[in-house]
Amino acid sequence: MKGFLTALQFLTLFRVKKDLEVTKDSLASSMAYFPLVGALQGVILALADYLLAGTGLLPESLTTGALILILALTNGGLHLDGFADTVDGIAGGKTPEERLRIMRDKAVGPIGASFLFFVILLKFLALEELPAEARTRAIFLFPGAGRWAMVLMASLAPSARAEGLGAAFSSNSRKALVISTLIMATLSVLVLGALSLVIIIALGCIVYAFTRFFKKRLGGVTGDVFGFQSEVAEVSFLALAIAFMNILALAE
């Protein structure tokens, strides 16, 4: 229970226990529950989607925009900030050291802002293109997919810095990966069916490719990179879910 509460307080703005002690070890072990935190966010988004669009209160496009805003607010904008910082660092530095230094600068540059707009736009379009019969289920699952991707990345790459979130997460990532993968796979099978494991496998391949990229560019991963990967994984999961549903429709 403590691991889940630690993950919940770290990944979101929810403060369920004020005196919860957060250490490097507790952060590392909490990674196993990242997909469950994403599932909780997914429940909030699915409920909001029903209350706004399902009841006819708002058109679907406005509701989709509201869902993206709600997700960002529950995250405290942490992952979007990490996405922008990572893009700025990769685009602006010539060496791993320069890139990491730029990523420490919290001011968002024009390239980071442009890509941030692009990833939000892609997320909006992907949510809009979800088949009606699968919209609620995909909305429930995609935040968890983003959190699971962070755990997978942590297990595949060392920390680019001796301190920080990358170092904390990499210390216990193998055990956390097994548990979090079982959770994510179970949720996917229960919600979308056994064939949806193809989506999880494909998403894992995408995470692996990005992990190799960051190992070459930065020498490892950082907290900002985890935020980047979470955003990319959310969009990727939605796109893969759309493709999965389309293939199933063609096969019928």
Protein backbone atom coordinates (compact mmCIF):
# COMPACT_ATOMS: atom_id res chain seq x y z
CA MET A 1 0.00 0.00 0.00
CA LYS A 2 2.84 2.37 0.84
CA GLY A 3 4.37 1.81 -2.59
CA PHE A 4 1.13 2.78 -4.32
CA LEU A 5 0.69 5.87 -2.13
CA THR A 6 4.27 6.92 -2.85
CA ALA A 7 3.69 6.51 -6.58
CA LEU A 8 0.40 8.41 -6.34
CA GLN A 9 1.95 11.35 -4.52
CA PHE A 10 4.97 11.42 -6.82
CA LEU A 11 3.15 11.17 -10.15
CA THR A 12 0.15 13.33 -9.31
CA LEU A 13 -0.95 16.29 -7.23
CA PHE A 14 -3.00 14.02 -4.96
CA ARG A 15 -1.77 14.22 -1.36
CA VAL A 16 -3.41 11.35 0.47
CA LYS A 17 -0.92 11.16 3.33
CA LYS A 18 0.95 14.26 4.47
CA ASP A 19 3.45 12.42 6.67
CA LEU A 20 4.41 9.85 4.03
CA GLU A 21 8.20 9.50 4.05
CA VAL A 22 9.65 9.47 0.54
CA THR A 23 13.16 8.07 0.15
CA LYS A 24 15.26 6.88 -2.77
CA ASP A 25 14.38 3.27 -1.96
CA SER A 26 10.65 3.96 -1.57
CA LEU A 27 10.60 5.85 -4.87
CA ALA A 28 12.31 2.97 -6.62
CA SER A 29 9.94 0.35 -5.21
CA SER A 30 6.91 2.54 -5.97
CA MET A 31 7.59 2.20 -9.70
CA ALA A 32 5.84 -1.17 -9.67
CA TYR A 33 2.57 0.67 -9.09
CA PHE A 34 2.97 3.35 -11.75
CA PRO A 35 0.40 1.72 -14.09
CA LEU A 36 -2.13 1.63 -11.25
CA VAL A 37 -1.71 5.37 -10.75
CA GLY A 38 -2.25 5.77 -14.47
CA ALA A 39 -5.36 3.60 -14.21
CA LEU A 40 -6.71 5.89 -11.49
CA GLN A 41 -6.14 8.86 -13.76
CA GLY A 42 -7.80 6.89 -16.53
CA VAL A 43 -10.90 6.41 -14.37
CA ILE A 44 -11.05 10.16 -13.78
CA LEU A 45 -10.71 10.85 -17.50
CA ALA A 46 -13.29 8.24 -18.50
CA LEU A 47 -15.75 9.63 -15.96
CA ALA A 48 -15.14 13.18 -17.18
CA ASP A 49 -15.63 12.04 -20.76
CA TYR A 50 -18.99 10.52 -19.87
CA LEU A 51 -20.17 13.52 -17.84
CA LEU A 52 -19.18 16.03 -20.51
CA ALA A 53 -19.61 14.28 -23.85
CA GLY A 54 -21.64 11.21 -22.94
CA THR A 55 -24.45 13.30 -21.51
CA GLY A 56 -24.34 15.76 -24.41
CA LEU A 57 -23.23 18.62 -22.19
CA LEU A 58 -20.27 19.44 -24.46
CA PRO A 59 -19.29 18.37 -27.98
CA GLU A 60 -16.69 15.64 -28.21
CA SER A 61 -13.92 17.96 -29.44
CA LEU A 62 -14.22 20.30 -26.45
CA THR A 63 -14.41 17.32 -24.14
CA THR A 64 -11.22 15.91 -25.63
CA GLY A 65 -9.45 19.19 -24.95
CA ALA A 66 -10.76 19.11 -21.40
CA LEU A 67 -9.44 15.57 -20.91
CA ILE A 68 -5.94 16.62 -21.94
CA LEU A 69 -6.14 19.56 -19.54
CA ILE A 70 -7.38 17.39 -16.68
CA LEU A 71 -4.56 14.89 -17.21
CA ALA A 72 -1.97 17.67 -17.26
CA LEU A 73 -3.43 19.18 -14.09
CA THR A 74 -3.44 15.89 -12.20
CA ASN A 75 0.21 15.43 -13.21
CA GLY A 76 1.06 18.97 -12.20
CA GLY A 77 2.37 19.48 -15.73
CA LEU A 78 5.43 17.47 -14.73
CA HIS A 79 5.61 15.24 -17.78
CA LEU A 80 4.94 18.02 -20.27
CA ASP A 81 7.70 20.07 -18.64
CA GLY A 82 10.09 17.13 -18.90
CA PHE A 83 9.14 16.65 -22.54
CA ALA A 84 9.95 20.27 -23.41
CA ASP A 85 13.21 20.29 -21.44
CA THR A 86 14.34 17.07 -23.12
CA VAL A 87 13.65 18.39 -26.61
CA ASP A 88 15.52 21.61 -25.83
CA GLY A 89 18.52 19.67 -24.54
CA ILE A 90 18.69 17.24 -27.45
CA ALA A 91 18.27 20.02 -30.02
CA GLY A 92 20.59 22.55 -28.42
CA GLY A 93 23.59 20.57 -27.21
CA LYS A 94 26.46 18.98 -29.12
CA THR A 95 27.75 16.75 -26.34
CA PRO A 96 26.00 14.77 -23.58
CA GLU A 97 27.28 17.26 -21.01
CA GLU A 98 25.92 20.25 -22.94
CA ARG A 99 22.57 18.56 -23.45
CA LEU A 100 22.23 17.74 -19.76
CA ARG A 101 23.18 21.30 -18.83
CA ILE A 102 20.52 22.73 -21.15
CA MET A 103 17.94 20.34 -19.73
CA ARG A 104 18.60 21.76 -16.25
CA ASP A 105 17.50 25.18 -17.49
CA LYS A 106 13.80 25.32 -16.72
CA ALA A 107 13.12 28.04 -19.29
CA VAL A 108 11.43 26.46 -22.30
CA GLY A 109 13.07 27.33 -25.63
CA PRO A 110 11.30 27.79 -28.96
CA ILE A 111 12.07 24.26 -30.13
CA GLY A 112 10.81 22.75 -26.90
CA ALA A 113 7.65 24.86 -27.06
CA SER A 114 7.04 23.89 -30.69
CA PHE A 115 7.39 20.17 -30.01
CA LEU A 116 5.26 20.53 -26.88
CA PHE A 117 2.47 21.99 -28.98
CA PHE A 118 2.96 19.18 -31.50
CA VAL A 119 2.70 16.36 -28.94
CA ILE A 120 -0.42 17.90 -27.38
CA LEU A 121 -1.94 18.25 -30.85
CA LEU A 122 -1.15 14.63 -31.65
CA LYS A 123 -2.74 13.52 -28.38
CA PHE A 124 -5.85 15.55 -29.18
CA LEU A 125 -6.12 14.11 -32.69
CA ALA A 126 -5.54 10.57 -31.46
CA LEU A 127 -8.27 10.89 -28.84
CA GLU A 128 -10.62 12.34 -31.44
CA GLU A 129 -9.98 9.47 -33.85
CA LEU A 130 -10.69 6.70 -31.36
CA PRO A 131 -13.56 4.50 -32.54
CA ALA A 132 -16.71 5.28 -30.56
CA GLU A 133 -17.02 1.72 -29.29
CA ALA A 134 -13.48 1.77 -27.88
CA ARG A 135 -13.16 5.41 -26.78
CA THR A 136 -13.91 4.91 -23.09
CA ARG A 137 -11.68 1.84 -22.82
CA ALA A 138 -8.72 3.52 -24.54
CA ILE A 139 -9.14 6.67 -22.44
CA PHE A 140 -8.98 4.50 -19.32
CA LEU A 141 -5.82 2.69 -20.44
CA PHE A 142 -3.58 5.29 -22.06
CA PRO A 143 -2.37 7.10 -18.90
CA GLY A 144 -1.28 3.76 -17.45
CA ALA A 145 0.61 2.96 -20.64
CA GLY A 146 2.55 6.19 -20.26
CA ARG A 147 3.51 5.36 -16.67
CA TRP A 148 4.48 1.80 -17.57
CA ALA A 149 6.78 3.12 -20.30
CA MET A 150 8.71 5.04 -17.64
CA VAL A 151 9.35 1.84 -15.72
CA LEU A 152 10.47 0.00 -18.84
CA MET A 153 12.87 2.79 -19.77
CA ALA A 154 14.34 2.82 -16.25
CA SER A 155 15.09 -0.90 -16.53
CA LEU A 156 16.84 -0.51 -19.88
CA ALA A 157 19.14 2.45 -19.23
CA PRO A 158 21.39 3.79 -16.48
CA SER A 159 20.96 7.22 -14.99
CA ALA A 160 22.71 10.00 -16.92
CA ARG A 161 23.44 11.72 -13.60
CA ALA A 162 24.69 10.42 -10.27
CA GLU A 163 21.82 12.18 -8.53
CA GLY A 164 18.22 12.94 -9.34
CA LEU A 165 15.21 10.87 -10.36
CA GLY A 166 17.06 8.84 -12.95
CA ALA A 167 19.42 7.50 -10.29
CA ALA A 168 16.57 6.78 -7.87
CA PHE A 169 14.48 4.91 -10.41
CA SER A 170 17.29 2.83 -11.88
CA SER A 171 18.17 1.31 -8.50
CA ASN A 172 15.25 -1.14 -8.35
CA SER A 173 13.83 -1.13 -11.83
CA ARG A 174 14.02 -4.86 -12.73
CA LYS A 175 11.67 -6.06 -10.02
CA ALA A 176 9.39 -3.09 -10.58
CA LEU A 177 9.33 -3.84 -14.31
CA VAL A 178 8.02 -7.37 -13.80
CA ILE A 179 5.23 -6.24 -11.48
CA SER A 180 4.27 -3.18 -13.51
CA THR A 181 4.24 -5.19 -16.75
CA LEU A 182 1.93 -7.78 -15.22
CA ILE A 183 -0.38 -4.99 -14.05
CA MET A 184 -0.39 -3.23 -17.42
CA ALA A 185 -0.88 -6.45 -19.36
CA THR A 186 -3.72 -7.55 -17.09
CA LEU A 187 -5.51 -4.22 -17.41
CA SER A 188 -5.12 -4.31 -21.18
CA VAL A 189 -6.45 -7.86 -21.51
CA LEU A 190 -9.40 -7.19 -19.22
CA VAL A 191 -10.37 -4.00 -21.03
CA LEU A 192 -9.47 -4.66 -24.68
CA GLY A 193 -9.02 -8.43 -24.85
CA ALA A 194 -6.05 -10.78 -25.14
CA LEU A 195 -5.08 -9.59 -28.62
CA SER A 196 -4.39 -6.14 -27.17
CA LEU A 197 -1.12 -7.51 -25.81
CA VAL A 198 0.16 -6.77 -29.31
CA ILE A 199 -0.27 -3.08 -28.47
CA ILE A 200 1.80 -3.46 -25.29
CA ILE A 201 4.55 -5.32 -27.16
CA ALA A 202 4.64 -2.70 -29.92
CA LEU A 203 4.75 0.07 -27.32
CA GLY A 204 7.62 -1.71 -25.62
CA CYS A 205 9.54 -1.68 -28.90
CA ILE A 206 9.00 2.07 -29.21
CA VAL A 207 10.26 2.62 -25.67
CA TYR A 208 13.29 0.46 -26.41
CA ALA A 209 14.12 2.54 -29.49
CA PHE A 210 13.91 5.80 -27.56
CA THR A 211 15.97 4.34 -24.73
CA ARG A 212 18.79 3.48 -27.11
CA PHE A 213 18.59 6.98 -28.55
CA PHE A 214 18.93 8.64 -25.15
CA LYS A 215 21.74 6.34 -24.09
CA LYS A 216 23.69 7.55 -27.11
CA ARG A 217 22.75 11.22 -26.74
CA LEU A 218 22.87 11.60 -22.96
CA GLY A 219 24.64 8.52 -21.66
CA GLY A 220 21.47 7.46 -19.88
CA VAL A 221 18.14 8.81 -18.70
CA THR A 222 16.95 11.56 -16.36
CA GLY A 223 13.71 12.64 -14.74
CA ASP A 224 13.02 14.89 -17.72
CA VAL A 225 13.53 11.99 -20.10
CA PHE A 226 11.01 9.93 -18.14
CA GLY A 227 8.51 12.75 -18.62
CA PHE A 228 9.31 12.84 -22.33
CA GLN A 229 8.82 9.10 -22.63
CA SER A 230 5.53 9.21 -20.77
CA GLU A 231 4.11 11.77 -23.19
CA VAL A 232 5.35 9.91 -26.26
CA ALA A 233 4.06 6.60 -24.91
CA GLU A 234 0.59 8.02 -24.31
CA VAL A 235 0.33 9.23 -27.89
CA SER A 236 1.86 6.01 -29.20
CA PHE A 237 -0.58 3.86 -27.24
CA LEU A 238 -3.55 5.78 -28.60
CA ALA A 239 -2.23 5.52 -32.17
CA LEU A 240 -1.57 1.80 -31.75
CA ALA A 241 -5.04 1.29 -30.27
CA ILE A 242 -6.62 3.00 -33.28
CA ALA A 243 -4.60 0.81 -35.66
CA PHE A 244 -5.51 -2.28 -33.60
CA MET A 245 -9.23 -1.49 -33.76
CA ASN A 246 -9.07 -0.78 -37.48
CA ILE A 247 -7.34 -4.09 -38.17
CA LEU A 248 -9.94 -5.96 -36.13
CA ALA A 249 -12.71 -4.19 -38.04
CA LEU A 250 -11.17 -5.17 -41.38
CA ALA A 251 -10.81 -8.77 -40.25
CA GLU A 252 -14.51 -9.10 -39.44
